[in-house]
């Protein structure tokens, strides 16, 4: 099994492309879970937020570097517990990312998986999506449809995380 920091090309270390297989596999699993749940169009920013939040969870939960050999069903409970509403997911992601960065720096290995995970995390933190205000006072306005109710700008991870959690439940 390939270690997260090792090239996944099967070639020598002579300047060949290093393929980030662990991240790509985590992203694939996340996308399939979301597509199966059919929660939103795959072309929407909400879908991307859910995919990236779920891919980060899957990638960072793989502490043994066995992601490509993972049995999805055996990991569902772990992913559910990590994405649950009452869990400090954002802190957990920051801590795991710092740990993996330190490991990569100490080993001196290229970390293309970690680079992609950091890019996803940066997008999730820096991007805000207009979403229904779940904290709005119920009945404070005339009965309106979901699209007509109050909306707030929400960090993408705060929208994507519950979507990912729901997708796992629906799987």
N, C-alpha and C. Protein backbone atom coordinates (compact mmCIF):
# COMPACT_ATOMS: atom_id res chain seq x y z
N UNK A 1 0.85 -1.18 0.00
CA UNK A 1 0.00 0.00 0.00
C UNK A 1 0.88 1.23 0.00
N UNK A 2 0.56 2.18 -0.85
CA UNK A 2 1.34 3.40 -0.97
C UNK A 2 1.10 4.30 0.23
N UNK A 3 2.15 4.89 0.72
CA UNK A 3 2.07 5.88 1.77
C UNK A 3 1.60 7.19 1.13
N UNK A 4 0.88 8.01 1.87
CA UNK A 4 0.31 9.24 1.35
C UNK A 4 1.37 10.15 0.73
N UNK A 5 2.57 10.15 1.25
CA UNK A 5 3.60 11.05 0.75
C UNK A 5 4.40 10.47 -0.40
N UNK A 6 4.18 9.24 -0.78
CA UNK A 6 4.95 8.60 -1.82
C UNK A 6 4.29 8.74 -3.17
N UNK A 7 5.09 8.82 -4.23
CA UNK A 7 4.51 8.87 -5.58
C UNK A 7 3.68 7.63 -5.86
N UNK A 8 2.63 7.82 -6.62
CA UNK A 8 1.75 6.72 -6.96
C UNK A 8 1.82 6.40 -8.45
N UNK A 9 2.99 6.59 -9.05
CA UNK A 9 3.10 6.38 -10.48
C UNK A 9 3.66 5.01 -10.83
N UNK A 10 4.29 4.36 -9.88
CA UNK A 10 4.89 3.05 -10.14
C UNK A 10 6.22 3.18 -10.87
N UNK A 11 6.66 4.40 -11.12
CA UNK A 11 7.92 4.63 -11.83
C UNK A 11 9.03 5.00 -10.86
N UNK A 12 10.13 5.45 -11.41
CA UNK A 12 11.24 5.88 -10.57
C UNK A 12 11.01 7.30 -10.12
N UNK A 13 11.95 7.82 -9.36
CA UNK A 13 11.82 9.17 -8.83
C UNK A 13 12.50 10.18 -9.75
N UNK A 14 12.58 9.89 -11.04
CA UNK A 14 13.29 10.73 -11.98
C UNK A 14 12.46 11.85 -12.57
N UNK A 15 11.80 12.64 -11.75
CA UNK A 15 11.05 13.78 -12.24
C UNK A 15 9.72 13.44 -12.87
N UNK A 16 9.22 12.25 -12.65
CA UNK A 16 7.93 11.87 -13.21
C UNK A 16 6.79 12.49 -12.43
N UNK A 17 5.65 12.55 -13.05
CA UNK A 17 4.46 13.07 -12.43
C UNK A 17 4.07 12.23 -11.22
N UNK A 18 3.78 12.90 -10.11
CA UNK A 18 3.29 12.22 -8.92
C UNK A 18 1.78 12.36 -8.92
N UNK A 19 1.09 11.26 -8.93
CA UNK A 19 -0.37 11.26 -9.01
C UNK A 19 -0.95 11.21 -7.59
N UNK A 20 -1.80 12.17 -7.25
CA UNK A 20 -2.39 12.22 -5.90
C UNK A 20 -3.57 11.25 -5.75
N UNK A 21 -3.27 9.97 -5.76
CA UNK A 21 -4.33 8.96 -5.77
C UNK A 21 -5.21 8.96 -4.53
N UNK A 22 -4.65 9.19 -3.36
CA UNK A 22 -5.46 9.18 -2.14
C UNK A 22 -6.51 10.29 -2.19
N UNK A 23 -6.10 11.50 -2.59
CA UNK A 23 -7.08 12.59 -2.68
C UNK A 23 -8.10 12.31 -3.77
N UNK A 24 -7.65 11.88 -4.92
CA UNK A 24 -8.58 11.62 -6.03
C UNK A 24 -9.59 10.54 -5.66
N UNK A 25 -9.14 9.54 -4.92
CA UNK A 25 -10.05 8.47 -4.50
C UNK A 25 -11.06 9.00 -3.47
N UNK A 26 -10.59 9.83 -2.53
CA UNK A 26 -11.49 10.42 -1.54
C UNK A 26 -12.54 11.30 -2.23
N UNK A 27 -12.10 12.06 -3.21
CA UNK A 27 -13.01 12.92 -3.96
C UNK A 27 -14.03 12.10 -4.76
N UNK A 28 -13.57 10.99 -5.33
CA UNK A 28 -14.46 10.10 -6.08
C UNK A 28 -15.54 9.51 -5.16
N UNK A 29 -15.13 9.02 -3.99
CA UNK A 29 -16.09 8.45 -3.04
C UNK A 29 -17.11 9.51 -2.64
N UNK A 30 -16.62 10.71 -2.32
CA UNK A 30 -17.51 11.79 -1.90
C UNK A 30 -18.51 12.14 -3.01
N UNK A 31 -18.02 12.23 -4.23
CA UNK A 31 -18.90 12.57 -5.34
C UNK A 31 -19.96 11.49 -5.56
N UNK A 32 -19.56 10.24 -5.47
CA UNK A 32 -20.52 9.15 -5.66
C UNK A 32 -21.57 9.14 -4.55
N UNK A 33 -21.17 9.41 -3.32
CA UNK A 33 -22.13 9.47 -2.22
C UNK A 33 -23.14 10.59 -2.46
N UNK A 34 -22.66 11.75 -2.90
CA UNK A 34 -23.56 12.87 -3.15
C UNK A 34 -24.46 12.61 -4.36
N UNK A 35 -23.92 12.01 -5.40
CA UNK A 35 -24.74 11.70 -6.58
C UNK A 35 -25.82 10.68 -6.22
N UNK A 36 -25.46 9.69 -5.43
CA UNK A 36 -26.42 8.67 -5.01
C UNK A 36 -27.55 9.30 -4.19
N UNK A 37 -27.19 10.26 -3.33
CA UNK A 37 -28.20 10.94 -2.51
C UNK A 37 -29.08 11.87 -3.31
N UNK A 38 -28.62 12.29 -4.49
CA UNK A 38 -29.40 13.15 -5.38
C UNK A 38 -29.94 14.37 -4.63
N UNK A 39 -29.06 15.03 -3.87
CA UNK A 39 -29.48 16.16 -3.04
C UNK A 39 -29.49 17.49 -3.76
N UNK A 40 -28.63 17.63 -4.77
CA UNK A 40 -28.56 18.87 -5.53
C UNK A 40 -27.89 18.60 -6.86
N UNK A 41 -28.02 19.51 -7.82
CA UNK A 41 -27.40 19.27 -9.12
C UNK A 41 -25.87 19.20 -9.00
N UNK A 42 -25.24 18.26 -9.67
CA UNK A 42 -23.79 18.11 -9.60
C UNK A 42 -23.00 19.33 -10.10
N UNK A 43 -23.66 20.23 -10.80
CA UNK A 43 -22.99 21.42 -11.31
C UNK A 43 -23.08 22.61 -10.36
N UNK A 44 -23.75 22.45 -9.22
CA UNK A 44 -23.96 23.56 -8.30
C UNK A 44 -22.79 23.75 -7.35
N UNK A 45 -22.67 24.97 -6.84
CA UNK A 45 -21.65 25.25 -5.83
C UNK A 45 -21.93 24.48 -4.55
N UNK A 46 -23.20 24.24 -4.25
CA UNK A 46 -23.56 23.48 -3.06
C UNK A 46 -23.03 22.05 -3.17
N UNK A 47 -23.14 21.47 -4.38
CA UNK A 47 -22.62 20.13 -4.59
C UNK A 47 -21.11 20.12 -4.37
N UNK A 48 -20.42 21.12 -4.93
CA UNK A 48 -18.97 21.20 -4.74
C UNK A 48 -18.62 21.32 -3.26
N UNK A 49 -19.37 22.15 -2.53
CA UNK A 49 -19.11 22.31 -1.10
C UNK A 49 -19.28 20.97 -0.37
N UNK A 50 -20.36 20.24 -0.70
CA UNK A 50 -20.58 18.94 -0.09
C UNK A 50 -19.50 17.95 -0.46
N UNK A 51 -19.13 17.93 -1.73
CA UNK A 51 -18.08 17.00 -2.19
C UNK A 51 -16.75 17.31 -1.52
N UNK A 52 -16.37 18.58 -1.47
CA UNK A 52 -15.08 18.92 -0.88
C UNK A 52 -15.05 18.65 0.62
N UNK A 53 -16.15 18.98 1.32
CA UNK A 53 -16.20 18.72 2.77
C UNK A 53 -16.15 17.22 3.04
N UNK A 54 -16.87 16.45 2.26
CA UNK A 54 -16.87 15.01 2.44
C UNK A 54 -15.53 14.39 2.03
N UNK A 55 -14.95 14.88 0.94
CA UNK A 55 -13.64 14.37 0.51
C UNK A 55 -12.57 14.67 1.57
N UNK A 56 -12.62 15.85 2.15
CA UNK A 56 -11.67 16.17 3.23
C UNK A 56 -11.84 15.22 4.40
N UNK A 57 -13.08 14.96 4.76
CA UNK A 57 -13.36 14.04 5.86
C UNK A 57 -12.81 12.65 5.56
N UNK A 58 -13.07 12.16 4.37
CA UNK A 58 -12.61 10.83 3.97
C UNK A 58 -11.09 10.77 3.93
N UNK A 59 -10.48 11.76 3.31
CA UNK A 59 -9.02 11.81 3.18
C UNK A 59 -8.34 11.92 4.54
N UNK A 60 -8.81 12.83 5.37
CA UNK A 60 -8.17 13.07 6.66
C UNK A 60 -8.45 11.97 7.69
N UNK A 61 -9.55 11.25 7.52
CA UNK A 61 -9.87 10.15 8.43
C UNK A 61 -9.00 8.93 8.15
N UNK A 62 -8.34 8.90 7.02
CA UNK A 62 -7.50 7.77 6.63
C UNK A 62 -6.12 7.90 7.27
N UNK A 63 -6.05 7.66 8.55
CA UNK A 63 -4.79 7.84 9.29
C UNK A 63 -3.78 6.73 9.01
N UNK A 64 -4.20 5.65 8.44
CA UNK A 64 -3.30 4.52 8.17
C UNK A 64 -2.78 4.50 6.74
N UNK A 65 -3.19 5.45 5.91
CA UNK A 65 -2.72 5.50 4.53
C UNK A 65 -3.24 4.34 3.69
N UNK A 66 -4.45 3.87 3.98
CA UNK A 66 -5.00 2.71 3.28
C UNK A 66 -6.20 3.09 2.41
N UNK A 67 -6.32 4.35 2.04
CA UNK A 67 -7.52 4.82 1.37
C UNK A 67 -7.85 4.05 0.10
N UNK A 68 -6.88 3.75 -0.73
CA UNK A 68 -7.20 3.09 -1.99
C UNK A 68 -7.72 1.66 -1.79
N UNK A 69 -7.50 1.08 -0.63
CA UNK A 69 -8.00 -0.26 -0.36
C UNK A 69 -9.22 -0.26 0.54
N UNK A 70 -9.79 0.93 0.74
CA UNK A 70 -10.87 1.08 1.71
C UNK A 70 -12.17 0.44 1.24
N UNK A 71 -12.87 -0.11 2.17
CA UNK A 71 -14.22 -0.60 1.92
C UNK A 71 -15.16 0.49 2.43
N UNK A 72 -15.84 1.15 1.52
CA UNK A 72 -16.66 2.31 1.87
C UNK A 72 -17.65 2.00 2.99
N UNK A 73 -18.34 0.89 2.90
CA UNK A 73 -19.37 0.57 3.89
C UNK A 73 -18.78 0.48 5.29
N UNK A 74 -17.57 -0.03 5.41
CA UNK A 74 -16.96 -0.18 6.73
C UNK A 74 -16.56 1.16 7.34
N UNK A 75 -16.50 2.21 6.56
CA UNK A 75 -16.10 3.53 7.05
C UNK A 75 -17.25 4.49 7.26
N UNK A 76 -18.45 4.13 6.85
CA UNK A 76 -19.57 5.05 6.91
C UNK A 76 -19.83 5.58 8.32
N UNK A 77 -19.77 4.74 9.32
CA UNK A 77 -20.02 5.18 10.70
C UNK A 77 -18.98 6.20 11.15
N UNK A 78 -17.73 5.98 10.78
CA UNK A 78 -16.67 6.93 11.13
C UNK A 78 -16.95 8.27 10.49
N UNK A 79 -17.28 8.27 9.21
CA UNK A 79 -17.55 9.52 8.50
C UNK A 79 -18.79 10.20 9.05
N UNK A 80 -19.80 9.42 9.41
CA UNK A 80 -21.01 10.01 10.01
C UNK A 80 -20.68 10.71 11.32
N UNK A 81 -19.88 10.06 12.15
CA UNK A 81 -19.56 10.66 13.44
C UNK A 81 -18.71 11.92 13.27
N UNK A 82 -17.82 11.94 12.29
CA UNK A 82 -16.97 13.11 12.06
C UNK A 82 -17.76 14.30 11.50
N UNK A 83 -18.79 14.03 10.73
CA UNK A 83 -19.56 15.10 10.09
C UNK A 83 -20.82 15.47 10.86
N UNK A 84 -21.05 14.85 12.00
CA UNK A 84 -22.25 15.13 12.80
C UNK A 84 -22.30 16.59 13.23
N UNK A 85 -23.49 17.09 13.41
CA UNK A 85 -23.72 18.50 13.73
C UNK A 85 -22.97 18.97 14.98
N UNK A 86 -22.91 18.13 15.98
CA UNK A 86 -22.32 18.55 17.26
C UNK A 86 -20.81 18.33 17.35
N UNK A 87 -20.17 18.01 16.26
CA UNK A 87 -18.73 17.76 16.26
C UNK A 87 -17.96 19.00 15.80
N UNK A 88 -16.77 19.23 16.37
CA UNK A 88 -15.95 20.39 15.96
C UNK A 88 -15.16 20.07 14.68
N UNK A 89 -15.87 19.85 13.58
CA UNK A 89 -15.27 19.41 12.32
C UNK A 89 -14.18 20.37 11.85
N UNK A 90 -14.44 21.66 11.88
CA UNK A 90 -13.48 22.64 11.39
C UNK A 90 -12.16 22.54 12.17
N UNK A 91 -12.23 22.40 13.48
CA UNK A 91 -11.02 22.26 14.29
C UNK A 91 -10.30 20.95 13.97
N UNK A 92 -11.07 19.88 13.79
CA UNK A 92 -10.49 18.57 13.46
C UNK A 92 -9.74 18.65 12.13
N UNK A 93 -10.34 19.30 11.14
CA UNK A 93 -9.69 19.44 9.83
C UNK A 93 -8.39 20.22 9.99
N UNK A 94 -8.43 21.33 10.69
CA UNK A 94 -7.22 22.15 10.88
C UNK A 94 -6.12 21.36 11.57
N UNK A 95 -6.47 20.60 12.59
CA UNK A 95 -5.48 19.80 13.32
C UNK A 95 -4.89 18.70 12.44
N UNK A 96 -5.74 17.98 11.71
CA UNK A 96 -5.26 16.90 10.83
C UNK A 96 -4.38 17.46 9.71
N UNK A 97 -4.78 18.60 9.14
CA UNK A 97 -3.99 19.21 8.07
C UNK A 97 -2.61 19.61 8.61
N UNK A 98 -2.57 20.21 9.80
CA UNK A 98 -1.30 20.61 10.40
C UNK A 98 -0.42 19.39 10.65
N UNK A 99 -1.02 18.32 11.13
CA UNK A 99 -0.29 17.08 11.39
C UNK A 99 0.30 16.51 10.09
N UNK A 100 -0.50 16.47 9.04
CA UNK A 100 -0.03 15.93 7.77
C UNK A 100 1.03 16.82 7.14
N UNK A 101 0.89 18.15 7.28
CA UNK A 101 1.92 19.06 6.77
C UNK A 101 3.23 18.83 7.49
N UNK A 102 3.16 18.64 8.81
CA UNK A 102 4.38 18.39 9.59
C UNK A 102 5.04 17.07 9.17
N UNK A 103 4.23 16.05 8.96
CA UNK A 103 4.76 14.76 8.50
C UNK A 103 5.44 14.90 7.14
N UNK A 104 4.81 15.61 6.23
CA UNK A 104 5.36 15.79 4.89
C UNK A 104 6.66 16.58 4.95
N UNK A 105 6.70 17.63 5.77
CA UNK A 105 7.91 18.44 5.90
C UNK A 105 9.05 17.62 6.51
N UNK A 106 8.72 16.81 7.51
CA UNK A 106 9.74 16.01 8.17
C UNK A 106 10.32 14.95 7.25
N UNK A 107 9.48 14.38 6.39
CA UNK A 107 9.94 13.33 5.50
C UNK A 107 10.58 13.89 4.23
N UNK A 108 10.26 15.14 3.91
CA UNK A 108 10.80 15.74 2.70
C UNK A 108 10.17 15.22 1.42
N UNK A 109 9.13 14.42 1.55
CA UNK A 109 8.46 13.86 0.38
C UNK A 109 7.48 14.86 -0.23
N UNK A 110 7.25 14.70 -1.53
CA UNK A 110 6.22 15.48 -2.19
C UNK A 110 4.87 15.05 -1.63
N UNK A 111 3.96 15.98 -1.52
CA UNK A 111 2.65 15.67 -0.95
C UNK A 111 1.55 16.23 -1.84
N UNK A 112 1.39 15.69 -3.06
CA UNK A 112 0.36 16.23 -3.95
C UNK A 112 -1.06 16.03 -3.42
N UNK A 113 -1.29 14.95 -2.69
CA UNK A 113 -2.60 14.72 -2.08
C UNK A 113 -2.91 15.84 -1.09
N UNK A 114 -1.93 16.15 -0.26
CA UNK A 114 -2.10 17.18 0.74
C UNK A 114 -2.28 18.55 0.09
N UNK A 115 -1.58 18.80 -1.00
CA UNK A 115 -1.75 20.07 -1.72
C UNK A 115 -3.19 20.23 -2.21
N UNK A 116 -3.77 19.17 -2.76
CA UNK A 116 -5.16 19.24 -3.23
C UNK A 116 -6.13 19.37 -2.05
N UNK A 117 -5.85 18.68 -0.96
CA UNK A 117 -6.69 18.80 0.23
C UNK A 117 -6.63 20.22 0.78
N UNK A 118 -5.44 20.82 0.80
CA UNK A 118 -5.31 22.21 1.27
C UNK A 118 -6.06 23.18 0.36
N UNK A 119 -6.02 22.94 -0.93
CA UNK A 119 -6.75 23.80 -1.87
C UNK A 119 -8.26 23.69 -1.63
N UNK A 120 -8.74 22.47 -1.40
CA UNK A 120 -10.17 22.27 -1.13
C UNK A 120 -10.55 22.97 0.18
N UNK A 121 -9.72 22.82 1.20
CA UNK A 121 -10.00 23.44 2.50
C UNK A 121 -10.01 24.96 2.37
N UNK A 122 -9.05 25.50 1.63
CA UNK A 122 -8.99 26.95 1.42
C UNK A 122 -10.27 27.44 0.74
N UNK A 123 -10.73 26.69 -0.30
CA UNK A 123 -11.96 27.08 -0.99
C UNK A 123 -13.15 27.02 -0.04
N UNK A 124 -13.23 25.96 0.76
CA UNK A 124 -14.34 25.81 1.70
C UNK A 124 -14.36 26.92 2.75
N UNK A 125 -13.20 27.37 3.19
CA UNK A 125 -13.13 28.42 4.20
C UNK A 125 -13.37 29.81 3.63
N UNK A 126 -12.84 30.06 2.42
CA UNK A 126 -12.86 31.42 1.87
C UNK A 126 -14.10 31.72 1.04
N UNK A 127 -14.81 30.71 0.59
CA UNK A 127 -15.97 30.92 -0.26
C UNK A 127 -17.23 30.96 0.58
N UNK A 128 -18.08 31.91 0.29
CA UNK A 128 -19.37 31.99 0.96
C UNK A 128 -20.47 31.77 -0.06
N UNK A 129 -21.49 31.03 0.34
CA UNK A 129 -22.63 30.74 -0.51
C UNK A 129 -23.88 31.31 0.13
N UNK A 130 -24.79 31.79 -0.68
CA UNK A 130 -26.04 32.32 -0.18
C UNK A 130 -26.97 31.14 0.10
N UNK A 131 -27.35 31.01 1.36
CA UNK A 131 -28.14 29.84 1.77
C UNK A 131 -29.30 30.29 2.66
N UNK A 132 -30.33 29.45 2.76
CA UNK A 132 -31.45 29.79 3.66
C UNK A 132 -30.94 30.01 5.09
N UNK A 133 -31.48 31.01 5.74
CA UNK A 133 -31.12 31.31 7.12
C UNK A 133 -31.87 30.35 8.03
N UNK A 134 -31.16 29.34 8.52
CA UNK A 134 -31.78 28.33 9.38
C UNK A 134 -32.06 28.86 10.78
N UNK A 135 -31.50 30.03 11.10
CA UNK A 135 -31.73 30.63 12.42
C UNK A 135 -32.80 31.71 12.39
N UNK A 136 -33.45 31.88 11.25
CA UNK A 136 -34.50 32.90 11.13
C UNK A 136 -35.67 32.52 12.04
N UNK A 137 -36.34 33.51 12.52
CA UNK A 137 -37.48 33.30 13.41
C UNK A 137 -38.61 32.66 12.60
N UNK A 138 -39.06 31.45 13.02
CA UNK A 138 -40.16 30.83 12.29
C UNK A 138 -41.44 31.64 12.46
N UNK A 139 -42.16 31.77 11.37
CA UNK A 139 -43.42 32.50 11.42
C UNK A 139 -43.24 34.00 11.49
N UNK A 140 -42.00 34.48 11.36
CA UNK A 140 -41.74 35.91 11.44
C UNK A 140 -42.19 36.65 10.20
N UNK A 141 -42.46 35.93 9.16
CA UNK A 141 -42.93 36.55 7.92
C UNK A 141 -44.10 35.73 7.42
N UNK A 142 -44.76 36.25 6.42
CA UNK A 142 -45.85 35.48 5.82
C UNK A 142 -45.28 34.18 5.27
N UNK A 143 -46.13 33.18 5.17
CA UNK A 143 -45.68 31.88 4.66
C UNK A 143 -45.02 32.07 3.31
N UNK A 144 -43.77 31.62 3.22
CA UNK A 144 -43.02 31.75 1.98
C UNK A 144 -42.39 30.42 1.64
N UNK A 145 -42.09 30.24 0.38
CA UNK A 145 -41.40 29.03 -0.05
C UNK A 145 -39.95 29.08 0.36
N UNK A 146 -39.27 27.95 0.25
CA UNK A 146 -37.87 27.85 0.63
C UNK A 146 -37.00 28.87 -0.09
N UNK A 147 -37.28 29.10 -1.37
CA UNK A 147 -36.48 30.03 -2.16
C UNK A 147 -36.78 31.48 -1.83
N UNK A 148 -37.90 31.74 -1.17
CA UNK A 148 -38.28 33.11 -0.89
C UNK A 148 -37.94 33.55 0.53
N UNK A 149 -37.53 32.65 1.38
CA UNK A 149 -37.24 32.97 2.77
C UNK A 149 -35.95 33.75 2.93
N UNK A 150 -35.65 34.13 4.18
CA UNK A 150 -34.42 34.89 4.44
C UNK A 150 -33.18 34.04 4.13
N UNK A 151 -32.17 34.73 3.61
CA UNK A 151 -30.93 34.04 3.25
C UNK A 151 -29.75 34.77 3.89
N UNK A 152 -28.70 34.03 4.12
CA UNK A 152 -27.47 34.60 4.68
C UNK A 152 -26.28 34.03 3.92
N UNK A 153 -25.19 34.80 3.91
CA UNK A 153 -23.95 34.31 3.32
C UNK A 153 -23.30 33.37 4.33
N UNK A 154 -23.03 32.16 3.88
CA UNK A 154 -22.53 31.09 4.75
C UNK A 154 -21.24 30.53 4.20
N UNK A 155 -20.21 30.33 5.05
CA UNK A 155 -19.00 29.69 4.55
C UNK A 155 -19.36 28.35 3.90
N UNK A 156 -18.72 28.05 2.79
CA UNK A 156 -19.05 26.86 2.01
C UNK A 156 -18.98 25.59 2.85
N UNK A 157 -18.03 25.51 3.78
CA UNK A 157 -17.90 24.29 4.58
C UNK A 157 -19.13 24.10 5.48
N UNK A 158 -19.73 25.21 5.95
CA UNK A 158 -20.90 25.09 6.82
C UNK A 158 -22.13 24.61 6.07
N UNK A 159 -22.15 24.81 4.78
CA UNK A 159 -23.23 24.30 3.96
C UNK A 159 -22.90 22.89 3.46
N UNK A 160 -21.65 22.68 3.08
CA UNK A 160 -21.24 21.39 2.52
C UNK A 160 -21.21 20.26 3.52
N UNK A 161 -20.83 20.55 4.75
CA UNK A 161 -20.72 19.50 5.76
C UNK A 161 -22.04 18.78 6.03
N UNK A 162 -23.14 19.51 6.29
CA UNK A 162 -24.40 18.78 6.50
C UNK A 162 -24.88 18.06 5.25
N UNK A 163 -24.58 18.61 4.07
CA UNK A 163 -24.96 17.92 2.83
C UNK A 163 -24.20 16.60 2.72
N UNK A 164 -22.92 16.63 3.03
CA UNK A 164 -22.13 15.39 3.03
C UNK A 164 -22.65 14.39 4.04
N UNK A 165 -22.98 14.89 5.23
CA UNK A 165 -23.52 14.01 6.28
C UNK A 165 -24.82 13.35 5.84
N UNK A 166 -25.69 14.14 5.24
CA UNK A 166 -26.96 13.62 4.75
C UNK A 166 -26.74 12.60 3.63
N UNK A 167 -25.79 12.87 2.75
CA UNK A 167 -25.49 11.94 1.66
C UNK A 167 -25.04 10.59 2.21
N UNK A 168 -24.26 10.60 3.28
CA UNK A 168 -23.81 9.35 3.91
C UNK A 168 -25.02 8.60 4.44
N UNK A 169 -25.93 9.31 5.10
CA UNK A 169 -27.15 8.68 5.63
C UNK A 169 -27.98 8.04 4.54
N UNK A 170 -28.05 8.71 3.40
CA UNK A 170 -28.89 8.22 2.31
C UNK A 170 -28.26 7.06 1.54
N UNK A 171 -26.97 6.82 1.76
CA UNK A 171 -26.27 5.77 1.04
C UNK A 171 -26.75 4.43 1.49
